[in-house]
Amino acid sequence: MDDGLEQRVIALTQGETDAVALMATLACEVHHSDERFHWTGFYRVVAPELMKIGPYQGGHGCLVIPFSRGVCGACARTGEVQLVDDVEAFAGHIACASSTRSELVLPVRNASGDLIAVFDIDSDLPAAFTQADATRLQALLDQVFADVAPAC
């Protein structure tokens, strides 16, 4: 990820509290910040134990993901970052794109601490992500979504 990512995202999102607007901006900026990222986007929590695709960059994604399936589901279910070096070795992986080799999925929480989405980054390269990537992106997500109000 380029060095100016955080500053750009904060400048672009400052004062915004609409979750979808924030997601669209983040997906775009993060996707274009690193050539390792081939699909970058959000799966929004839309019902108990269910997510639907949100703003994203890259090819098509899965439209619906239950909490019970895949890397995104594992992140939503546990509330923990999922750093997967080899998606083929992840039991229950959902192959939205056959070219994906590794994946990083992070929880997205609103001001009340409720899970509102997961942020999914896929790469066509094996072991493309590091713990440093996860830490850096989680801190950015936490800062950007800190003022998003709970859903009505």
N, C-alpha and C. Protein backbone atom coordinates (compact mmCIF):
# COMPACT_ATOMS: atom_id res chain seq x y z
N MET A 1 0.85 -1.18 0.00
CA MET A 1 0.00 0.00 0.00
C MET A 1 0.89 1.23 0.00
N ASP A 2 0.47 2.21 -0.76
CA ASP A 2 1.31 3.40 -0.82
C ASP A 2 1.27 4.17 0.50
N ASP A 3 2.31 4.97 0.71
CA ASP A 3 2.49 5.66 1.99
C ASP A 3 1.44 6.73 2.27
N GLY A 4 0.82 7.28 1.25
CA GLY A 4 -0.15 8.35 1.47
C GLY A 4 -1.59 7.89 1.62
N LEU A 5 -1.81 6.57 1.66
CA LEU A 5 -3.17 6.05 1.70
C LEU A 5 -3.98 6.61 2.86
N GLU A 6 -3.47 6.51 4.07
CA GLU A 6 -4.22 6.96 5.24
C GLU A 6 -4.59 8.43 5.14
N GLN A 7 -3.62 9.26 4.76
CA GLN A 7 -3.88 10.71 4.66
C GLN A 7 -4.95 11.01 3.62
N ARG A 8 -4.89 10.34 2.47
CA ARG A 8 -5.91 10.54 1.43
C ARG A 8 -7.29 10.13 1.93
N VAL A 9 -7.37 8.96 2.52
CA VAL A 9 -8.67 8.46 2.98
C VAL A 9 -9.26 9.38 4.04
N ILE A 10 -8.46 9.79 5.00
CA ILE A 10 -8.96 10.68 6.05
C ILE A 10 -9.42 12.00 5.46
N ALA A 11 -8.66 12.56 4.53
CA ALA A 11 -9.04 13.83 3.90
C ALA A 11 -10.35 13.68 3.12
N LEU A 12 -10.52 12.57 2.42
CA LEU A 12 -11.71 12.35 1.60
C LEU A 12 -12.96 12.04 2.42
N THR A 13 -12.78 11.45 3.59
CA THR A 13 -13.93 10.98 4.37
C THR A 13 -14.25 11.85 5.59
N GLN A 14 -13.44 12.83 5.86
CA GLN A 14 -13.62 13.65 7.06
C GLN A 14 -15.03 14.24 7.11
N GLY A 15 -15.70 14.02 8.21
CA GLY A 15 -17.03 14.57 8.43
C GLY A 15 -18.16 13.74 7.85
N GLU A 16 -17.85 12.73 7.07
CA GLU A 16 -18.90 11.88 6.47
C GLU A 16 -19.31 10.80 7.46
N THR A 17 -20.60 10.57 7.60
CA THR A 17 -21.09 9.54 8.51
C THR A 17 -21.94 8.48 7.81
N ASP A 18 -22.17 8.63 6.51
CA ASP A 18 -22.93 7.64 5.76
C ASP A 18 -22.04 6.43 5.46
N ALA A 19 -22.44 5.27 5.94
CA ALA A 19 -21.60 4.08 5.82
C ALA A 19 -21.32 3.69 4.38
N VAL A 20 -22.31 3.78 3.50
CA VAL A 20 -22.11 3.36 2.11
C VAL A 20 -21.16 4.32 1.40
N ALA A 21 -21.29 5.60 1.65
CA ALA A 21 -20.37 6.58 1.05
C ALA A 21 -18.94 6.32 1.51
N LEU A 22 -18.78 6.02 2.78
CA LEU A 22 -17.46 5.71 3.31
C LEU A 22 -16.90 4.43 2.68
N MET A 23 -17.75 3.42 2.56
CA MET A 23 -17.32 2.15 1.97
C MET A 23 -16.87 2.34 0.52
N ALA A 24 -17.63 3.11 -0.24
CA ALA A 24 -17.29 3.34 -1.65
C ALA A 24 -15.93 4.03 -1.78
N THR A 25 -15.71 5.02 -0.95
CA THR A 25 -14.45 5.75 -1.00
C THR A 25 -13.29 4.88 -0.58
N LEU A 26 -13.46 4.14 0.50
CA LEU A 26 -12.39 3.24 0.97
C LEU A 26 -12.08 2.16 -0.05
N ALA A 27 -13.11 1.53 -0.61
CA ALA A 27 -12.88 0.47 -1.59
C ALA A 27 -12.04 0.99 -2.76
N CYS A 28 -12.38 2.15 -3.25
CA CYS A 28 -11.65 2.75 -4.37
C CYS A 28 -10.21 3.07 -4.00
N GLU A 29 -10.03 3.80 -2.91
CA GLU A 29 -8.68 4.22 -2.53
C GLU A 29 -7.77 3.04 -2.18
N VAL A 30 -8.28 2.08 -1.43
CA VAL A 30 -7.45 0.93 -1.06
C VAL A 30 -7.14 0.09 -2.28
N HIS A 31 -8.12 -0.14 -3.13
CA HIS A 31 -7.91 -0.97 -4.32
C HIS A 31 -6.79 -0.43 -5.20
N HIS A 32 -6.78 0.87 -5.38
CA HIS A 32 -5.79 1.49 -6.27
C HIS A 32 -4.47 1.81 -5.58
N SER A 33 -4.35 1.45 -4.31
CA SER A 33 -3.12 1.77 -3.57
C SER A 33 -2.06 0.68 -3.65
N ASP A 34 -2.40 -0.48 -4.22
CA ASP A 34 -1.47 -1.60 -4.19
C ASP A 34 -1.78 -2.59 -5.31
N GLU A 35 -0.78 -2.93 -6.09
CA GLU A 35 -1.00 -3.84 -7.23
C GLU A 35 -1.30 -5.28 -6.81
N ARG A 36 -1.10 -5.60 -5.54
CA ARG A 36 -1.46 -6.94 -5.05
C ARG A 36 -2.96 -7.14 -4.96
N PHE A 37 -3.71 -6.07 -4.89
CA PHE A 37 -5.15 -6.13 -4.63
C PHE A 37 -5.92 -6.26 -5.95
N HIS A 38 -6.60 -7.40 -6.14
CA HIS A 38 -7.34 -7.63 -7.37
C HIS A 38 -8.85 -7.49 -7.18
N TRP A 39 -9.32 -7.60 -5.96
CA TRP A 39 -10.72 -7.34 -5.63
C TRP A 39 -10.74 -6.74 -4.24
N THR A 40 -11.41 -5.62 -4.10
CA THR A 40 -11.43 -4.89 -2.83
C THR A 40 -12.84 -4.39 -2.59
N GLY A 41 -13.45 -4.82 -1.49
CA GLY A 41 -14.80 -4.34 -1.26
C GLY A 41 -15.40 -4.79 0.05
N PHE A 42 -16.64 -4.43 0.20
CA PHE A 42 -17.37 -4.67 1.44
C PHE A 42 -18.51 -5.65 1.23
N TYR A 43 -18.75 -6.44 2.26
CA TYR A 43 -19.97 -7.22 2.38
C TYR A 43 -20.69 -6.66 3.60
N ARG A 44 -21.88 -6.08 3.37
CA ARG A 44 -22.65 -5.39 4.40
C ARG A 44 -23.58 -6.36 5.12
N VAL A 45 -23.66 -6.22 6.42
CA VAL A 45 -24.61 -7.00 7.21
C VAL A 45 -25.99 -6.43 6.93
N VAL A 46 -26.88 -7.28 6.38
CA VAL A 46 -28.22 -6.81 6.00
C VAL A 46 -29.33 -7.50 6.77
N ALA A 47 -29.02 -8.57 7.45
CA ALA A 47 -29.99 -9.33 8.24
C ALA A 47 -29.18 -10.19 9.20
N PRO A 48 -29.82 -10.77 10.19
CA PRO A 48 -29.07 -11.65 11.10
C PRO A 48 -28.34 -12.76 10.31
N GLU A 49 -27.04 -12.83 10.53
CA GLU A 49 -26.21 -13.89 9.93
C GLU A 49 -26.13 -13.83 8.40
N LEU A 50 -26.36 -12.65 7.80
CA LEU A 50 -26.37 -12.54 6.35
C LEU A 50 -25.74 -11.23 5.87
N MET A 51 -24.90 -11.35 4.84
CA MET A 51 -24.26 -10.18 4.24
C MET A 51 -24.55 -10.15 2.74
N LYS A 52 -24.63 -8.92 2.20
CA LYS A 52 -24.74 -8.73 0.76
C LYS A 52 -23.62 -7.81 0.31
N ILE A 53 -23.28 -7.98 -0.95
CA ILE A 53 -22.17 -7.21 -1.52
C ILE A 53 -22.46 -5.72 -1.42
N GLY A 54 -21.43 -4.97 -1.11
CA GLY A 54 -21.54 -3.53 -1.00
C GLY A 54 -20.63 -2.88 -2.02
N PRO A 55 -20.25 -1.66 -1.81
CA PRO A 55 -19.33 -1.03 -2.75
C PRO A 55 -18.05 -1.84 -2.88
N TYR A 56 -17.56 -1.95 -4.13
CA TYR A 56 -16.33 -2.71 -4.37
C TYR A 56 -15.65 -2.25 -5.64
N GLN A 57 -14.43 -2.69 -5.81
CA GLN A 57 -13.62 -2.45 -7.01
C GLN A 57 -13.09 -3.80 -7.47
N GLY A 58 -13.07 -4.01 -8.78
CA GLY A 58 -12.58 -5.27 -9.34
C GLY A 58 -13.71 -5.97 -10.07
N GLY A 59 -13.49 -7.23 -10.39
CA GLY A 59 -14.51 -8.03 -11.09
C GLY A 59 -15.69 -8.30 -10.19
N HIS A 60 -16.61 -9.11 -10.72
CA HIS A 60 -17.82 -9.40 -9.94
C HIS A 60 -17.46 -10.10 -8.63
N GLY A 61 -18.34 -10.00 -7.66
CA GLY A 61 -18.18 -10.70 -6.39
C GLY A 61 -19.42 -11.52 -6.11
N CYS A 62 -19.40 -12.29 -5.07
CA CYS A 62 -20.59 -13.02 -4.65
C CYS A 62 -21.62 -12.01 -4.18
N LEU A 63 -22.87 -12.23 -4.50
CA LEU A 63 -23.91 -11.28 -4.11
C LEU A 63 -24.31 -11.42 -2.65
N VAL A 64 -24.37 -12.65 -2.16
CA VAL A 64 -24.83 -12.93 -0.80
C VAL A 64 -23.85 -13.89 -0.13
N ILE A 65 -23.49 -13.60 1.12
CA ILE A 65 -22.63 -14.50 1.89
C ILE A 65 -23.22 -14.64 3.29
N PRO A 66 -23.59 -15.85 3.66
CA PRO A 66 -24.03 -16.08 5.03
C PRO A 66 -22.83 -16.12 5.98
N PHE A 67 -23.05 -15.80 7.24
CA PHE A 67 -21.98 -15.83 8.23
C PHE A 67 -21.37 -17.23 8.34
N SER A 68 -22.11 -18.24 7.93
CA SER A 68 -21.67 -19.63 8.08
C SER A 68 -20.72 -20.11 6.99
N ARG A 69 -20.44 -19.26 5.98
CA ARG A 69 -19.63 -19.73 4.86
C ARG A 69 -18.48 -18.80 4.53
N GLY A 70 -17.37 -19.39 4.14
CA GLY A 70 -16.25 -18.68 3.56
C GLY A 70 -15.43 -17.86 4.54
N VAL A 71 -14.44 -17.19 3.98
CA VAL A 71 -13.53 -16.36 4.77
C VAL A 71 -14.27 -15.14 5.31
N CYS A 72 -15.11 -14.52 4.48
CA CYS A 72 -15.90 -13.37 4.93
C CYS A 72 -16.85 -13.76 6.05
N GLY A 73 -17.49 -14.91 5.89
CA GLY A 73 -18.38 -15.41 6.94
C GLY A 73 -17.65 -15.66 8.24
N ALA A 74 -16.43 -16.21 8.15
CA ALA A 74 -15.63 -16.47 9.36
C ALA A 74 -15.30 -15.17 10.07
N CYS A 75 -14.97 -14.12 9.31
CA CYS A 75 -14.69 -12.82 9.90
C CYS A 75 -15.93 -12.27 10.59
N ALA A 76 -17.07 -12.35 9.91
CA ALA A 76 -18.32 -11.84 10.49
C ALA A 76 -18.71 -12.63 11.73
N ARG A 77 -18.56 -13.94 11.66
CA ARG A 77 -18.97 -14.82 12.76
C ARG A 77 -18.12 -14.62 14.01
N THR A 78 -16.80 -14.47 13.81
CA THR A 78 -15.87 -14.37 14.94
C THR A 78 -15.54 -12.94 15.33
N GLY A 79 -15.73 -12.00 14.40
CA GLY A 79 -15.34 -10.61 14.64
C GLY A 79 -13.83 -10.41 14.59
N GLU A 80 -13.12 -11.40 14.04
CA GLU A 80 -11.66 -11.35 13.99
C GLU A 80 -11.16 -11.28 12.55
N VAL A 81 -10.02 -10.62 12.38
CA VAL A 81 -9.37 -10.54 11.08
C VAL A 81 -9.06 -11.94 10.58
N GLN A 82 -9.28 -12.15 9.29
CA GLN A 82 -8.94 -13.42 8.64
C GLN A 82 -7.84 -13.13 7.62
N LEU A 83 -6.67 -13.68 7.86
CA LEU A 83 -5.51 -13.52 6.97
C LEU A 83 -5.21 -14.90 6.41
N VAL A 84 -5.56 -15.11 5.14
CA VAL A 84 -5.49 -16.43 4.53
C VAL A 84 -4.46 -16.42 3.40
N ASP A 85 -3.37 -17.14 3.61
CA ASP A 85 -2.30 -17.21 2.61
C ASP A 85 -2.67 -18.05 1.39
N ASP A 86 -3.51 -19.07 1.60
CA ASP A 86 -3.90 -19.99 0.53
C ASP A 86 -5.37 -20.31 0.68
N VAL A 87 -6.21 -19.70 -0.15
CA VAL A 87 -7.65 -19.90 -0.01
C VAL A 87 -8.07 -21.35 -0.26
N GLU A 88 -7.29 -22.08 -1.04
CA GLU A 88 -7.61 -23.49 -1.30
C GLU A 88 -7.51 -24.33 -0.03
N ALA A 89 -6.70 -23.89 0.92
CA ALA A 89 -6.51 -24.61 2.18
C ALA A 89 -7.52 -24.18 3.25
N PHE A 90 -8.36 -23.19 2.95
CA PHE A 90 -9.34 -22.70 3.92
C PHE A 90 -10.63 -23.50 3.75
N ALA A 91 -10.98 -24.27 4.75
CA ALA A 91 -12.19 -25.10 4.68
C ALA A 91 -13.42 -24.21 4.47
N GLY A 92 -14.20 -24.51 3.46
CA GLY A 92 -15.41 -23.76 3.20
C GLY A 92 -15.23 -22.49 2.40
N HIS A 93 -14.03 -22.29 1.83
CA HIS A 93 -13.79 -21.08 1.03
C HIS A 93 -14.82 -21.00 -0.10
N ILE A 94 -15.34 -19.79 -0.33
CA ILE A 94 -16.27 -19.55 -1.43
C ILE A 94 -15.47 -18.94 -2.57
N ALA A 95 -15.45 -19.59 -3.70
CA ALA A 95 -14.67 -19.10 -4.84
C ALA A 95 -15.53 -18.17 -5.70
N CYS A 96 -15.59 -16.90 -5.29
CA CYS A 96 -16.33 -15.91 -6.10
C CYS A 96 -15.59 -15.66 -7.41
N ALA A 97 -14.24 -15.72 -7.35
CA ALA A 97 -13.40 -15.61 -8.54
C ALA A 97 -12.37 -16.73 -8.47
N SER A 98 -12.28 -17.51 -9.52
CA SER A 98 -11.38 -18.67 -9.52
C SER A 98 -9.91 -18.28 -9.47
N SER A 99 -9.58 -17.03 -9.79
CA SER A 99 -8.18 -16.59 -9.80
C SER A 99 -7.65 -16.23 -8.41
N THR A 100 -8.53 -16.06 -7.42
CA THR A 100 -8.11 -15.65 -6.08
C THR A 100 -7.25 -16.72 -5.43
N ARG A 101 -6.10 -16.29 -4.89
CA ARG A 101 -5.17 -17.21 -4.22
C ARG A 101 -5.03 -16.92 -2.72
N SER A 102 -5.17 -15.65 -2.33
CA SER A 102 -5.07 -15.30 -0.91
C SER A 102 -6.07 -14.19 -0.62
N GLU A 103 -6.36 -14.04 0.70
CA GLU A 103 -7.44 -13.14 1.07
C GLU A 103 -7.18 -12.54 2.45
N LEU A 104 -7.60 -11.29 2.61
CA LEU A 104 -7.56 -10.59 3.89
C LEU A 104 -8.94 -10.00 4.12
N VAL A 105 -9.56 -10.37 5.25
CA VAL A 105 -10.90 -9.87 5.56
C VAL A 105 -10.88 -9.29 6.97
N LEU A 106 -11.42 -8.06 7.09
CA LEU A 106 -11.39 -7.34 8.36
C LEU A 106 -12.80 -6.93 8.78
N PRO A 107 -13.09 -6.96 10.08
CA PRO A 107 -14.41 -6.52 10.55
C PRO A 107 -14.53 -5.00 10.51
N VAL A 108 -15.74 -4.53 10.20
CA VAL A 108 -16.04 -3.10 10.16
C VAL A 108 -17.13 -2.85 11.19
N ARG A 109 -16.85 -1.97 12.14
CA ARG A 109 -17.79 -1.68 13.22
C ARG A 109 -18.18 -0.20 13.22
N ASN A 110 -19.41 0.07 13.66
CA ASN A 110 -19.88 1.45 13.77
C ASN A 110 -19.51 2.03 15.14
N ALA A 111 -20.03 3.21 15.42
CA ALA A 111 -19.70 3.92 16.66
C ALA A 111 -20.11 3.14 17.91
N SER A 112 -21.13 2.29 17.79
CA SER A 112 -21.59 1.49 18.93
C SER A 112 -20.87 0.16 19.06
N GLY A 113 -19.97 -0.11 18.12
CA GLY A 113 -19.25 -1.38 18.15
C GLY A 113 -19.96 -2.52 17.45
N ASP A 114 -21.09 -2.20 16.77
CA ASP A 114 -21.83 -3.23 16.04
C ASP A 114 -21.11 -3.56 14.73
N LEU A 115 -21.08 -4.82 14.37
CA LEU A 115 -20.53 -5.22 13.08
C LEU A 115 -21.50 -4.77 11.99
N ILE A 116 -21.03 -3.93 11.08
CA ILE A 116 -21.88 -3.46 9.99
C ILE A 116 -21.48 -4.04 8.65
N ALA A 117 -20.25 -4.58 8.59
CA ALA A 117 -19.75 -5.13 7.32
C ALA A 117 -18.42 -5.84 7.58
N VAL A 118 -17.94 -6.48 6.53
CA VAL A 118 -16.55 -6.93 6.52
C VAL A 118 -15.90 -6.31 5.29
N PHE A 119 -14.62 -6.04 5.39
CA PHE A 119 -13.84 -5.47 4.29
C PHE A 119 -12.97 -6.59 3.75
N ASP A 120 -13.19 -6.93 2.50
CA ASP A 120 -12.57 -8.09 1.88
C ASP A 120 -11.59 -7.64 0.80
N ILE A 121 -10.36 -8.15 0.86
CA ILE A 121 -9.37 -7.88 -0.16
C ILE A 121 -8.86 -9.22 -0.66
N ASP A 122 -8.96 -9.42 -1.97
CA ASP A 122 -8.49 -10.65 -2.60
C ASP A 122 -7.27 -10.35 -3.46
N SER A 123 -6.41 -11.36 -3.56
CA SER A 123 -5.25 -11.24 -4.43
C SER A 123 -5.10 -12.50 -5.26
N ASP A 124 -4.64 -12.33 -6.49
CA ASP A 124 -4.35 -13.47 -7.35
C ASP A 124 -2.98 -14.07 -7.03
N LEU A 125 -2.29 -13.49 -6.06
CA LEU A 125 -0.98 -13.98 -5.63
C LEU A 125 -1.13 -14.77 -4.34
N PRO A 126 -0.41 -15.87 -4.18
CA PRO A 126 -0.44 -16.58 -2.90
C PRO A 126 0.27 -15.77 -1.82
N ALA A 127 -0.20 -15.88 -0.59
CA ALA A 127 0.43 -15.22 0.57
C ALA A 127 0.74 -13.75 0.30
N ALA A 128 -0.22 -13.05 -0.27
CA ALA A 128 0.00 -11.65 -0.67
C ALA A 128 -0.07 -10.67 0.48
N PHE A 129 -0.67 -11.07 1.61
CA PHE A 129 -0.92 -10.13 2.70
C PHE A 129 -0.08 -10.46 3.92
N THR A 130 0.22 -9.40 4.69
CA THR A 130 1.01 -9.56 5.92
C THR A 130 0.20 -9.11 7.12
N GLN A 131 0.70 -9.45 8.28
CA GLN A 131 0.06 -8.97 9.51
C GLN A 131 0.14 -7.45 9.57
N ALA A 132 1.20 -6.88 9.04
CA ALA A 132 1.33 -5.41 9.01
C ALA A 132 0.22 -4.79 8.15
N ASP A 133 -0.12 -5.43 7.02
CA ASP A 133 -1.25 -4.96 6.20
C ASP A 133 -2.53 -4.98 7.02
N ALA A 134 -2.76 -6.09 7.71
CA ALA A 134 -3.98 -6.24 8.50
C ALA A 134 -4.07 -5.18 9.60
N THR A 135 -2.98 -4.96 10.29
CA THR A 135 -2.95 -3.98 11.38
C THR A 135 -3.20 -2.57 10.84
N ARG A 136 -2.55 -2.24 9.76
CA ARG A 136 -2.68 -0.91 9.16
C ARG A 136 -4.10 -0.65 8.67
N LEU A 137 -4.68 -1.63 7.98
CA LEU A 137 -6.02 -1.46 7.44
C LEU A 137 -7.08 -1.47 8.54
N GLN A 138 -6.90 -2.29 9.57
CA GLN A 138 -7.88 -2.31 10.66
C GLN A 138 -7.90 -0.96 11.37
N ALA A 139 -6.73 -0.37 11.58
CA ALA A 139 -6.66 0.94 12.23
C ALA A 139 -7.37 1.99 11.37
N LEU A 140 -7.20 1.91 10.06
CA LEU A 140 -7.86 2.87 9.17
C LEU A 140 -9.37 2.68 9.19
N LEU A 141 -9.83 1.43 9.12
CA LEU A 141 -11.27 1.16 9.19
C LEU A 141 -11.86 1.67 10.51
N ASP A 142 -11.18 1.39 11.60
CA ASP A 142 -11.67 1.82 12.91
C ASP A 142 -11.80 3.33 12.98
N GLN A 143 -10.85 4.05 12.38
CA GLN A 143 -10.90 5.51 12.41
C GLN A 143 -12.01 6.04 11.49
N VAL A 144 -12.11 5.52 10.29
CA VAL A 144 -13.08 6.03 9.32
C VAL A 144 -14.52 5.77 9.75
N PHE A 145 -14.79 4.61 10.33
CA PHE A 145 -16.16 4.23 10.68
C PHE A 145 -16.53 4.57 12.13
N ALA A 146 -15.66 5.26 12.84
CA ALA A 146 -15.87 5.57 14.26
C ALA A 146 -17.11 6.42 14.51
N ASP A 147 -17.52 7.22 13.54
CA ASP A 147 -18.66 8.12 13.74
C ASP A 147 -19.94 7.67 13.04
N VAL A 148 -19.91 6.46 12.48
CA VAL A 148 -21.11 5.96 11.81
C VAL A 148 -22.13 5.54 12.88
N ALA A 149 -23.31 6.09 12.77
CA ALA A 149 -24.36 5.80 13.76
C ALA A 149 -24.92 4.40 13.57
N PRO A 150 -25.46 3.84 14.63
CA PRO A 150 -26.12 2.53 14.51
C PRO A 150 -27.27 2.60 13.50
N ALA A 151 -27.55 1.47 12.88
CA ALA A 151 -28.67 1.41 11.93
C ALA A 151 -29.99 1.63 12.67
N CYS A 152 -30.95 2.20 11.97
CA CYS A 152 -32.27 2.48 12.58
C CYS A 152 -33.04 1.21 12.82
